[in-house]
Amino acid sequence: SRQMLFNLLIALVMIYVVMAAVFESLLFPAAIMSCVVFSMFGVFWLFWLTGTSFTVMAFIGILVLMGVVVNNGIVMIEHINNLRRRGMPRTDALVEGSRERLRPIMMTMGTAILAMIPIALNTDTPQGMPPYHPMARAIAGGLAFSTVVSLLFLPTIYALLDDLRNGTARLVRRARGGRRTDAPEPATQMP
């Protein structure tokens, strides 16, 4: 299990690094990675409901799940960024981007969950083969929970991180220069 936890950590770091390079930002990938956290709640929630034990196959399911969940977040964040680049205000871009990407994300999630149902329900395992139902349940539970929660919270997390980035940039500008270049010169008193 230590090896699987190490693999999970390596996968998270690699996903974050690739997204940071693509988005040229460290904050927007953090918003997308929040979807991975939401998916973990879904995995454990479904395992608890079904009485499924956590096995190596469940770990493999979580690794697969991370890639699918991150894709949904990338689709939404990239569309929101494109709308903002076209000049749309942030709030309008968040609402419009979420509305326009709702259907593709729901279709992706729905088809993936439907594909996992036969595997998740089949608990019979052939001789010498590992049981695959924990993997399918991890993927289905994580996808269902993270999609619903991320569609609600990802725009909010995006706005919070964007505010944090803008506030940090203002602080750095103040610390570096102290005074803005477009500010009027202070009046000097004449003796």
N, C-alpha and C. Protein backbone atom coordinates (compact mmCIF):
# COMPACT_ATOMS: atom_id res chain seq x y z
N SER A 1 0.83 -1.20 0.00
CA SER A 1 0.00 0.00 0.00
C SER A 1 0.86 1.25 0.00
N ARG A 2 2.08 1.16 0.56
CA ARG A 2 2.98 2.31 0.50
C ARG A 2 3.34 2.65 -0.94
N GLN A 3 3.58 1.61 -1.73
CA GLN A 3 3.92 1.82 -3.14
C GLN A 3 2.76 2.48 -3.88
N MET A 4 1.53 2.06 -3.60
CA MET A 4 0.37 2.66 -4.26
C MET A 4 0.17 4.11 -3.82
N LEU A 5 0.40 4.42 -2.56
CA LEU A 5 0.31 5.81 -2.10
C LEU A 5 1.38 6.67 -2.77
N PHE A 6 2.58 6.10 -2.92
CA PHE A 6 3.65 6.82 -3.62
C PHE A 6 3.25 7.05 -5.08
N ASN A 7 2.67 6.03 -5.73
CA ASN A 7 2.21 6.19 -7.11
C ASN A 7 1.13 7.26 -7.22
N LEU A 8 0.24 7.30 -6.25
CA LEU A 8 -0.81 8.30 -6.22
C LEU A 8 -0.22 9.70 -6.11
N LEU A 9 0.75 9.86 -5.24
CA LEU A 9 1.41 11.15 -5.06
C LEU A 9 2.14 11.57 -6.33
N ILE A 10 2.86 10.66 -6.94
CA ILE A 10 3.58 10.95 -8.18
C ILE A 10 2.59 11.36 -9.28
N ALA A 11 1.47 10.65 -9.37
CA ALA A 11 0.46 10.98 -10.38
C ALA A 11 -0.10 12.38 -10.15
N LEU A 12 -0.38 12.73 -8.90
CA LEU A 12 -0.89 14.08 -8.60
C LEU A 12 0.12 15.16 -8.98
N VAL A 13 1.38 14.94 -8.64
CA VAL A 13 2.42 15.91 -8.97
C VAL A 13 2.57 16.05 -10.48
N MET A 14 2.57 14.93 -11.19
CA MET A 14 2.73 14.99 -12.65
C MET A 14 1.55 15.69 -13.31
N ILE A 15 0.34 15.41 -12.86
CA ILE A 15 -0.84 16.08 -13.40
C ILE A 15 -0.75 17.57 -13.16
N TYR A 16 -0.36 17.96 -11.95
CA TYR A 16 -0.26 19.38 -11.61
C TYR A 16 0.80 20.08 -12.47
N VAL A 17 1.96 19.44 -12.64
CA VAL A 17 3.05 20.05 -13.42
C VAL A 17 2.62 20.24 -14.87
N VAL A 18 1.98 19.24 -15.46
CA VAL A 18 1.54 19.35 -16.85
C VAL A 18 0.51 20.47 -16.99
N MET A 19 -0.44 20.54 -16.07
CA MET A 19 -1.45 21.60 -16.15
C MET A 19 -0.84 22.98 -15.91
N ALA A 20 0.12 23.07 -15.00
CA ALA A 20 0.78 24.36 -14.76
C ALA A 20 1.51 24.83 -16.01
N ALA A 21 2.11 23.91 -16.72
CA ALA A 21 2.80 24.28 -17.97
C ALA A 21 1.81 24.69 -19.05
N VAL A 22 0.70 23.99 -19.15
CA VAL A 22 -0.29 24.31 -20.18
C VAL A 22 -0.99 25.62 -19.89
N PHE A 23 -1.41 25.83 -18.64
CA PHE A 23 -2.12 27.06 -18.27
C PHE A 23 -1.18 28.22 -18.01
N GLU A 24 0.12 27.96 -17.90
CA GLU A 24 1.12 28.97 -17.55
C GLU A 24 0.72 29.70 -16.27
N SER A 25 0.24 28.93 -15.32
CA SER A 25 -0.22 29.46 -14.04
C SER A 25 -0.13 28.34 -13.01
N LEU A 26 0.07 28.73 -11.77
CA LEU A 26 0.07 27.75 -10.69
C LEU A 26 -1.28 27.70 -9.98
N LEU A 27 -2.12 28.74 -10.17
CA LEU A 27 -3.38 28.80 -9.46
C LEU A 27 -4.51 28.04 -10.15
N PHE A 28 -4.64 28.17 -11.46
CA PHE A 28 -5.75 27.51 -12.14
C PHE A 28 -5.65 25.98 -12.05
N PRO A 29 -4.46 25.40 -12.14
CA PRO A 29 -4.39 23.95 -11.89
C PRO A 29 -4.81 23.58 -10.47
N ALA A 30 -4.58 24.48 -9.52
CA ALA A 30 -5.02 24.19 -8.14
C ALA A 30 -6.54 24.11 -8.07
N ALA A 31 -7.23 24.95 -8.83
CA ALA A 31 -8.69 24.88 -8.88
C ALA A 31 -9.13 23.54 -9.45
N ILE A 32 -8.46 23.10 -10.50
CA ILE A 32 -8.81 21.82 -11.13
C ILE A 32 -8.49 20.66 -10.19
N MET A 33 -7.39 20.75 -9.48
CA MET A 33 -7.01 19.67 -8.56
C MET A 33 -8.01 19.54 -7.41
N SER A 34 -8.77 20.60 -7.13
CA SER A 34 -9.81 20.48 -6.10
C SER A 34 -10.85 19.46 -6.51
N CYS A 35 -11.04 19.27 -7.82
CA CYS A 35 -11.98 18.25 -8.30
C CYS A 35 -11.52 16.86 -7.89
N VAL A 36 -10.20 16.65 -7.83
CA VAL A 36 -9.67 15.35 -7.41
C VAL A 36 -10.03 15.09 -5.95
N VAL A 37 -9.95 16.14 -5.13
CA VAL A 37 -10.32 16.00 -3.72
C VAL A 37 -11.80 15.61 -3.61
N PHE A 38 -12.65 16.29 -4.38
CA PHE A 38 -14.08 15.95 -4.36
C PHE A 38 -14.31 14.50 -4.79
N SER A 39 -13.54 14.04 -5.76
CA SER A 39 -13.73 12.67 -6.25
C SER A 39 -13.39 11.64 -5.17
N MET A 40 -12.41 11.94 -4.32
CA MET A 40 -12.06 11.00 -3.24
C MET A 40 -13.23 10.81 -2.27
N PHE A 41 -13.95 11.90 -1.99
CA PHE A 41 -15.14 11.77 -1.13
C PHE A 41 -16.15 10.82 -1.76
N GLY A 42 -16.33 10.94 -3.07
CA GLY A 42 -17.27 10.07 -3.77
C GLY A 42 -16.85 8.61 -3.73
N VAL A 43 -15.56 8.36 -3.86
CA VAL A 43 -15.06 6.98 -3.80
C VAL A 43 -15.39 6.36 -2.45
N PHE A 44 -15.02 7.03 -1.39
CA PHE A 44 -15.22 6.46 -0.06
C PHE A 44 -16.70 6.40 0.31
N TRP A 45 -17.47 7.35 -0.19
CA TRP A 45 -18.91 7.33 0.06
C TRP A 45 -19.54 6.09 -0.57
N LEU A 46 -19.21 5.80 -1.84
CA LEU A 46 -19.78 4.63 -2.51
C LEU A 46 -19.25 3.33 -1.90
N PHE A 47 -17.98 3.31 -1.51
CA PHE A 47 -17.43 2.11 -0.86
C PHE A 47 -18.15 1.84 0.46
N TRP A 48 -18.44 2.90 1.20
CA TRP A 48 -19.15 2.75 2.46
C TRP A 48 -20.57 2.24 2.22
N LEU A 49 -21.27 2.80 1.22
CA LEU A 49 -22.64 2.38 0.92
C LEU A 49 -22.72 0.93 0.47
N THR A 50 -21.75 0.50 -0.33
CA THR A 50 -21.80 -0.85 -0.90
C THR A 50 -21.04 -1.87 -0.06
N GLY A 51 -20.31 -1.43 0.95
CA GLY A 51 -19.54 -2.36 1.77
C GLY A 51 -18.34 -2.92 1.04
N THR A 52 -17.81 -2.18 0.08
CA THR A 52 -16.67 -2.62 -0.71
C THR A 52 -15.38 -2.40 0.07
N SER A 53 -14.50 -3.39 0.04
CA SER A 53 -13.21 -3.23 0.71
C SER A 53 -12.23 -2.51 -0.22
N PHE A 54 -11.33 -1.78 0.38
CA PHE A 54 -10.36 -0.99 -0.38
C PHE A 54 -9.17 -1.89 -0.73
N THR A 55 -8.99 -2.15 -2.03
CA THR A 55 -7.94 -3.06 -2.49
C THR A 55 -7.01 -2.33 -3.46
N VAL A 56 -6.04 -3.07 -3.98
CA VAL A 56 -5.13 -2.52 -4.97
C VAL A 56 -5.90 -2.08 -6.21
N MET A 57 -6.93 -2.84 -6.57
CA MET A 57 -7.74 -2.48 -7.73
C MET A 57 -8.47 -1.15 -7.49
N ALA A 58 -8.85 -0.88 -6.25
CA ALA A 58 -9.47 0.41 -5.93
C ALA A 58 -8.46 1.54 -6.14
N PHE A 59 -7.22 1.31 -5.75
CA PHE A 59 -6.16 2.32 -5.99
C PHE A 59 -6.01 2.58 -7.48
N ILE A 60 -6.01 1.52 -8.27
CA ILE A 60 -5.90 1.68 -9.73
C ILE A 60 -7.10 2.47 -10.25
N GLY A 61 -8.28 2.19 -9.71
CA GLY A 61 -9.47 2.95 -10.10
C GLY A 61 -9.33 4.41 -9.78
N ILE A 62 -8.73 4.73 -8.63
CA ILE A 62 -8.53 6.14 -8.25
C ILE A 62 -7.55 6.81 -9.21
N LEU A 63 -6.50 6.11 -9.63
CA LEU A 63 -5.56 6.67 -10.59
C LEU A 63 -6.25 6.98 -11.93
N VAL A 64 -7.10 6.07 -12.39
CA VAL A 64 -7.85 6.31 -13.62
C VAL A 64 -8.82 7.48 -13.41
N LEU A 65 -9.48 7.48 -12.27
CA LEU A 65 -10.44 8.52 -11.94
C LEU A 65 -9.83 9.91 -11.97
N MET A 66 -8.61 10.04 -11.46
CA MET A 66 -7.96 11.36 -11.43
C MET A 66 -7.82 11.94 -12.83
N GLY A 67 -7.46 11.11 -13.80
CA GLY A 67 -7.32 11.60 -15.16
C GLY A 67 -8.63 12.07 -15.76
N VAL A 68 -9.71 11.33 -15.52
CA VAL A 68 -11.01 11.71 -16.07
C VAL A 68 -11.54 12.96 -15.39
N VAL A 69 -11.43 13.04 -14.07
CA VAL A 69 -11.93 14.19 -13.33
C VAL A 69 -11.17 15.46 -13.73
N VAL A 70 -9.87 15.34 -13.88
CA VAL A 70 -9.06 16.49 -14.28
C VAL A 70 -9.45 16.97 -15.68
N ASN A 71 -9.77 16.03 -16.57
CA ASN A 71 -10.19 16.43 -17.91
C ASN A 71 -11.43 17.30 -17.88
N ASN A 72 -12.42 16.93 -17.04
CA ASN A 72 -13.63 17.74 -16.92
C ASN A 72 -13.30 19.15 -16.44
N GLY A 73 -12.41 19.26 -15.46
CA GLY A 73 -12.02 20.57 -14.96
C GLY A 73 -11.27 21.39 -15.99
N ILE A 74 -10.40 20.73 -16.76
CA ILE A 74 -9.64 21.43 -17.80
C ILE A 74 -10.59 21.99 -18.85
N VAL A 75 -11.57 21.21 -19.26
CA VAL A 75 -12.54 21.67 -20.26
C VAL A 75 -13.24 22.93 -19.79
N MET A 76 -13.66 22.94 -18.53
CA MET A 76 -14.40 24.09 -18.01
C MET A 76 -13.49 25.31 -17.84
N ILE A 77 -12.34 25.13 -17.20
CA ILE A 77 -11.45 26.27 -16.92
C ILE A 77 -10.91 26.87 -18.22
N GLU A 78 -10.55 26.04 -19.17
CA GLU A 78 -10.03 26.56 -20.44
C GLU A 78 -11.09 27.38 -21.17
N HIS A 79 -12.33 26.93 -21.14
CA HIS A 79 -13.40 27.69 -21.79
C HIS A 79 -13.62 29.02 -21.07
N ILE A 80 -13.59 29.01 -19.76
CA ILE A 80 -13.75 30.25 -18.99
C ILE A 80 -12.61 31.21 -19.31
N ASN A 81 -11.37 30.70 -19.37
CA ASN A 81 -10.23 31.56 -19.72
C ASN A 81 -10.36 32.13 -21.13
N ASN A 82 -10.84 31.33 -22.08
CA ASN A 82 -11.05 31.83 -23.44
C ASN A 82 -12.09 32.95 -23.47
N LEU A 83 -13.16 32.79 -22.72
CA LEU A 83 -14.17 33.85 -22.66
C LEU A 83 -13.61 35.12 -22.05
N ARG A 84 -12.77 34.98 -21.04
CA ARG A 84 -12.16 36.17 -20.42
C ARG A 84 -11.17 36.84 -21.36
N ARG A 85 -10.44 36.04 -22.15
CA ARG A 85 -9.50 36.63 -23.12
C ARG A 85 -10.23 37.44 -24.18
N ARG A 86 -11.47 37.05 -24.47
CA ARG A 86 -12.27 37.79 -25.46
C ARG A 86 -12.86 39.07 -24.87
N GLY A 87 -12.61 39.32 -23.59
CA GLY A 87 -13.05 40.57 -22.98
C GLY A 87 -14.27 40.45 -22.09
N MET A 88 -14.75 39.26 -21.86
CA MET A 88 -15.92 39.09 -21.00
C MET A 88 -15.51 39.26 -19.54
N PRO A 89 -16.30 39.95 -18.74
CA PRO A 89 -15.99 40.06 -17.30
C PRO A 89 -15.97 38.69 -16.64
N ARG A 90 -15.23 38.60 -15.54
CA ARG A 90 -15.01 37.30 -14.91
C ARG A 90 -16.30 36.61 -14.50
N THR A 91 -17.20 37.33 -13.84
CA THR A 91 -18.44 36.70 -13.38
C THR A 91 -19.26 36.19 -14.55
N ASP A 92 -19.37 36.99 -15.59
CA ASP A 92 -20.12 36.56 -16.78
C ASP A 92 -19.44 35.35 -17.43
N ALA A 93 -18.12 35.35 -17.49
CA ALA A 93 -17.39 34.23 -18.07
C ALA A 93 -17.59 32.96 -17.26
N LEU A 94 -17.62 33.08 -15.94
CA LEU A 94 -17.85 31.92 -15.08
C LEU A 94 -19.24 31.33 -15.30
N VAL A 95 -20.24 32.20 -15.37
CA VAL A 95 -21.61 31.72 -15.57
C VAL A 95 -21.77 31.12 -16.96
N GLU A 96 -21.32 31.86 -17.98
CA GLU A 96 -21.47 31.39 -19.36
C GLU A 96 -20.64 30.14 -19.62
N GLY A 97 -19.41 30.12 -19.14
CA GLY A 97 -18.55 28.95 -19.34
C GLY A 97 -19.09 27.71 -18.67
N SER A 98 -19.62 27.87 -17.46
CA SER A 98 -20.20 26.72 -16.75
C SER A 98 -21.45 26.23 -17.46
N ARG A 99 -22.26 27.16 -17.93
CA ARG A 99 -23.49 26.78 -18.62
C ARG A 99 -23.19 26.06 -19.93
N GLU A 100 -22.21 26.57 -20.68
CA GLU A 100 -21.88 25.98 -21.98
C GLU A 100 -21.16 24.64 -21.86
N ARG A 101 -20.45 24.41 -20.78
CA ARG A 101 -19.71 23.15 -20.62
C ARG A 101 -20.46 22.13 -19.77
N LEU A 102 -21.64 22.49 -19.29
CA LEU A 102 -22.42 21.56 -18.48
C LEU A 102 -22.76 20.30 -19.26
N ARG A 103 -23.28 20.45 -20.46
CA ARG A 103 -23.71 19.29 -21.24
C ARG A 103 -22.55 18.36 -21.61
N PRO A 104 -21.43 18.88 -22.16
CA PRO A 104 -20.33 17.95 -22.46
C PRO A 104 -19.78 17.23 -21.23
N ILE A 105 -19.71 17.92 -20.10
CA ILE A 105 -19.19 17.30 -18.88
C ILE A 105 -20.16 16.23 -18.39
N MET A 106 -21.45 16.53 -18.42
CA MET A 106 -22.45 15.55 -17.98
C MET A 106 -22.47 14.33 -18.91
N MET A 107 -22.28 14.56 -20.22
CA MET A 107 -22.24 13.43 -21.16
C MET A 107 -21.03 12.54 -20.90
N THR A 108 -19.87 13.17 -20.68
CA THR A 108 -18.65 12.41 -20.39
C THR A 108 -18.81 11.60 -19.11
N MET A 109 -19.31 12.26 -18.08
CA MET A 109 -19.50 11.59 -16.80
C MET A 109 -20.52 10.47 -16.92
N GLY A 110 -21.63 10.74 -17.57
CA GLY A 110 -22.69 9.73 -17.71
C GLY A 110 -22.24 8.50 -18.46
N THR A 111 -21.54 8.68 -19.56
CA THR A 111 -21.09 7.52 -20.33
C THR A 111 -20.04 6.72 -19.57
N ALA A 112 -19.16 7.40 -18.86
CA ALA A 112 -18.13 6.69 -18.09
C ALA A 112 -18.77 5.88 -16.96
N ILE A 113 -19.75 6.46 -16.27
CA ILE A 113 -20.41 5.74 -15.18
C ILE A 113 -21.21 4.55 -15.73
N LEU A 114 -21.91 4.78 -16.83
CA LEU A 114 -22.68 3.67 -17.43
C LEU A 114 -21.77 2.53 -17.87
N ALA A 115 -20.58 2.87 -18.36
CA ALA A 115 -19.63 1.83 -18.77
C ALA A 115 -19.11 1.04 -17.57
N MET A 116 -19.08 1.66 -16.40
CA MET A 116 -18.56 0.99 -15.21
C MET A 116 -19.60 0.14 -14.49
N ILE A 117 -20.88 0.37 -14.75
CA ILE A 117 -21.92 -0.34 -14.01
C ILE A 117 -21.83 -1.86 -14.15
N PRO A 118 -21.68 -2.43 -15.36
CA PRO A 118 -21.59 -3.90 -15.43
C PRO A 118 -20.40 -4.47 -14.65
N ILE A 119 -19.29 -3.78 -14.69
CA ILE A 119 -18.11 -4.26 -13.95
C ILE A 119 -18.32 -4.09 -12.45
N ALA A 120 -18.95 -2.98 -12.05
CA ALA A 120 -19.17 -2.71 -10.63
C ALA A 120 -20.15 -3.70 -10.01
N LEU A 121 -21.10 -4.18 -10.80
CA LEU A 121 -22.10 -5.12 -10.27
C LEU A 121 -21.63 -6.57 -10.27
N ASN A 122 -20.65 -6.89 -11.09
CA ASN A 122 -20.16 -8.26 -11.21
C ASN A 122 -19.09 -8.52 -10.14
N THR A 123 -19.46 -9.23 -9.10
CA THR A 123 -18.50 -9.53 -8.03
C THR A 123 -17.87 -10.91 -8.18
N ASP A 124 -18.29 -11.67 -9.19
CA ASP A 124 -17.67 -12.97 -9.44
C ASP A 124 -16.31 -12.77 -10.10
N THR A 125 -15.30 -13.40 -9.57
CA THR A 125 -13.97 -13.27 -10.15
C THR A 125 -13.47 -14.63 -10.60
N PRO A 126 -12.93 -14.71 -11.80
CA PRO A 126 -12.36 -15.98 -12.27
C PRO A 126 -11.17 -16.39 -11.39
N GLN A 127 -10.88 -17.66 -11.40
CA GLN A 127 -9.78 -18.20 -10.60
C GLN A 127 -8.46 -17.52 -10.97
N GLY A 128 -7.76 -16.99 -9.98
CA GLY A 128 -6.45 -16.39 -10.20
C GLY A 128 -6.49 -14.95 -10.68
N MET A 129 -7.68 -14.38 -10.84
CA MET A 129 -7.81 -13.00 -11.31
C MET A 129 -8.21 -12.10 -10.14
N PRO A 130 -7.74 -10.85 -10.12
CA PRO A 130 -8.18 -9.95 -9.06
C PRO A 130 -9.61 -9.47 -9.31
N PRO A 131 -10.35 -9.13 -8.26
CA PRO A 131 -11.70 -8.61 -8.48
C PRO A 131 -11.64 -7.19 -9.06
N TYR A 132 -12.41 -6.96 -10.11
CA TYR A 132 -12.39 -5.65 -10.78
C TYR A 132 -13.49 -4.72 -10.27
N HIS A 133 -14.43 -5.22 -9.51
CA HIS A 133 -15.52 -4.35 -9.08
C HIS A 133 -15.07 -3.20 -8.17
N PRO A 134 -14.03 -3.33 -7.33
CA PRO A 134 -13.60 -2.15 -6.58
C PRO A 134 -13.08 -1.03 -7.48
N MET A 135 -12.40 -1.39 -8.56
CA MET A 135 -11.91 -0.39 -9.50
C MET A 135 -13.08 0.35 -10.16
N ALA A 136 -14.05 -0.39 -10.63
CA ALA A 136 -15.20 0.21 -11.31
C ALA A 136 -16.02 1.07 -10.34
N ARG A 137 -16.16 0.61 -9.11
CA ARG A 137 -16.91 1.39 -8.12
C ARG A 137 -16.17 2.67 -7.74
N ALA A 138 -14.84 2.58 -7.67
CA ALA A 138 -14.06 3.79 -7.38
C ALA A 138 -14.25 4.83 -8.49
N ILE A 139 -14.19 4.39 -9.72
CA ILE A 139 -14.34 5.31 -10.85
C ILE A 139 -15.76 5.89 -10.87
N ALA A 140 -16.77 5.02 -10.75
CA ALA A 140 -18.16 5.49 -10.84
C ALA A 140 -18.52 6.41 -9.68
N GLY A 141 -18.19 6.03 -8.46
CA GLY A 141 -18.52 6.86 -7.30
C GLY A 141 -17.80 8.18 -7.31
N GLY A 142 -16.52 8.15 -7.63
CA GLY A 142 -15.75 9.38 -7.68
C GLY A 142 -16.22 10.32 -8.77
N LEU A 143 -16.53 9.78 -9.92
CA LEU A 143 -17.01 10.61 -11.04
C LEU A 143 -18.35 11.24 -10.72
N ALA A 144 -19.28 10.46 -10.19
CA ALA A 144 -20.61 10.99 -9.90
C ALA A 144 -20.53 12.14 -8.89
N PHE A 145 -19.82 11.92 -7.80
CA PHE A 145 -19.75 12.93 -6.75
C PHE A 145 -18.96 14.15 -7.20
N SER A 146 -17.80 13.93 -7.80
CA SER A 146 -16.96 15.07 -8.17
C SER A 146 -17.58 15.91 -9.28
N THR A 147 -18.30 15.29 -10.19
CA THR A 147 -18.90 16.06 -11.27
C THR A 147 -19.97 17.00 -10.74
N VAL A 148 -20.84 16.49 -9.91
CA VAL A 148 -21.90 17.33 -9.36
C VAL A 148 -21.30 18.43 -8.49
N VAL A 149 -20.39 18.07 -7.60
CA VAL A 149 -19.82 19.07 -6.69
C VAL A 149 -18.94 20.06 -7.44
N SER A 150 -18.14 19.58 -8.40
CA SER A 150 -17.25 20.51 -9.11
C SER A 150 -18.02 21.45 -10.02
N LEU A 151 -19.14 21.01 -10.59
CA LEU A 151 -19.95 21.92 -11.39
C LEU A 151 -20.49 23.05 -10.52
N LEU A 152 -20.72 22.77 -9.26
CA LEU A 152 -21.21 23.80 -8.34
C LEU A 152 -20.08 24.65 -7.77
N PHE A 153 -18.95 24.01 -7.41
CA PHE A 153 -17.92 24.72 -6.67
C PHE A 153 -16.70 25.15 -7.48
N LEU A 154 -16.45 24.53 -8.62
CA LEU A 154 -15.26 24.89 -9.40
C LEU A 154 -15.27 26.36 -9.82
N PRO A 155 -16.39 26.92 -10.29
CA PRO A 155 -16.38 28.36 -10.60
C PRO A 155 -16.08 29.23 -9.38
N THR A 156 -16.59 28.81 -8.22
CA THR A 156 -16.33 29.58 -6.99
C THR A 156 -14.86 29.50 -6.61
N ILE A 157 -14.28 28.31 -6.70
CA ILE A 157 -12.86 28.14 -6.38
C ILE A 157 -12.02 28.94 -7.36
N TYR A 158 -12.40 28.94 -8.64
CA TYR A 158 -11.71 29.72 -9.66
C TYR A 158 -11.72 31.20 -9.28
N ALA A 159 -12.90 31.72 -8.89
CA ALA A 159 -13.01 33.14 -8.53
C ALA A 159 -12.16 33.46 -7.29
N LEU A 160 -12.19 32.59 -6.30
CA LEU A 160 -11.39 32.82 -5.09
C LEU A 160 -9.89 32.85 -5.40
N LEU A 161 -9.43 31.89 -6.21
CA LEU A 161 -8.01 31.86 -6.56
C LEU A 161 -7.62 33.04 -7.45
N ASP A 162 -8.54 33.48 -8.32
CA ASP A 162 -8.28 34.65 -9.15
C ASP A 162 -8.17 35.91 -8.29
N ASP A 163 -9.05 36.03 -7.28
CA ASP A 163 -8.95 37.15 -6.34
C ASP A 163 -7.64 37.10 -5.57
N LEU A 164 -7.24 35.91 -5.16
CA LEU A 164 -5.97 35.74 -4.45
C LEU A 164 -4.80 36.16 -5.33
N ARG A 165 -4.83 35.76 -6.60
CA ARG A 165 -3.76 36.14 -7.53
C ARG A 165 -3.71 37.65 -7.73
N ASN A 166 -4.88 38.27 -7.91
CA ASN A 166 -4.92 39.72 -8.12
C ASN A 166 -4.47 40.47 -6.86
N GLY A 167 -4.90 40.00 -5.69
CA GLY A 167 -4.47 40.63 -4.44
C GLY A 167 -2.98 40.50 -4.21
N THR A 168 -2.43 39.33 -4.52
CA THR A 168 -0.99 39.13 -4.37
C THR A 168 -0.22 40.01 -5.34
N ALA A 169 -0.71 40.14 -6.56
CA ALA A 169 -0.04 41.00 -7.54
C ALA A 169 -0.03 42.46 -7.08
N ARG A 170 -1.15 42.92 -6.51
CA ARG A 170 -1.20 44.30 -6.00
C ARG A 170 -0.22 44.49 -4.85
N LEU A 171 -0.14 43.49 -3.97
CA LEU A 171 0.79 43.58 -2.84
C LEU A 171 2.23 43.63 -3.32
N VAL A 172 2.57 42.81 -4.31
CA VAL A 172 3.93 42.79 -4.84
C VAL A 172 4.25 44.13 -5.51
N ARG A 173 3.29 44.68 -6.26
CA ARG A 173 3.53 45.99 -6.90
C ARG A 173 3.77 47.07 -5.86
N ARG A 174 2.98 47.06 -4.80
CA ARG A 174 3.17 48.05 -3.73
C ARG A 174 4.52 47.88 -3.04
N ALA A 175 4.91 46.64 -2.81
CA ALA A 175 6.17 46.38 -2.11
C ALA A 175 7.37 46.78 -2.98
N ARG A 176 7.26 46.59 -4.30
CA ARG A 176 8.38 46.91 -5.19
C ARG A 176 8.53 48.39 -5.42
N GLY A 177 7.44 49.03 -5.81
CA GLY A 177 7.56 50.42 -6.22
C GLY A 177 7.03 51.41 -5.24
N GLY A 178 6.13 50.97 -4.43
CA GLY A 178 5.54 51.89 -3.48
C GLY A 178 4.52 52.81 -4.13
N ARG A 179 4.85 53.40 -5.27
CA ARG A 179 4.00 54.39 -5.90
C ARG A 179 3.75 53.97 -7.33
N ARG A 180 2.53 54.20 -7.80
CA ARG A 180 2.22 53.87 -9.19
C ARG A 180 2.74 54.97 -10.09
N THR A 181 3.04 54.60 -11.33
CA THR A 181 3.58 55.58 -12.28
C THR A 181 2.51 56.53 -12.78
N ASP A 182 1.23 56.11 -12.76
CA ASP A 182 0.19 57.00 -13.25
C ASP A 182 -0.39 57.87 -12.15
N ALA A 183 0.13 57.77 -10.91
CA ALA A 183 -0.35 58.59 -9.81
C ALA A 183 0.24 59.99 -9.94
N PRO A 184 -0.53 61.01 -9.57
CA PRO A 184 0.00 62.37 -9.68
C PRO A 184 1.12 62.61 -8.67
N GLU A 185 2.01 63.50 -9.02
CA GLU A 185 3.11 63.85 -8.13
C GLU A 185 2.57 64.56 -6.91
N PRO A 186 3.13 64.28 -5.74
CA PRO A 186 2.65 65.00 -4.54
C PRO A 186 3.01 66.48 -4.63
N ALA A 187 2.12 67.29 -4.12
CA ALA A 187 2.34 68.74 -4.14
C ALA A 187 3.44 69.10 -3.15
N THR A 188 4.33 69.98 -3.55
CA THR A 188 5.40 70.41 -2.65
C THR A 188 5.06 71.79 -2.13
N GLN A 189 5.39 72.03 -0.89
CA GLN A 189 5.10 73.33 -0.29
C GLN A 189 6.21 74.31 -0.64
N MET A 190 5.80 75.50 -0.95
CA MET A 190 6.80 76.53 -1.27
C MET A 190 7.03 77.35 0.00
N PRO A 191 8.28 77.70 0.27
CA PRO A 191 8.58 78.46 1.49
C PRO A 191 8.11 79.88 1.42
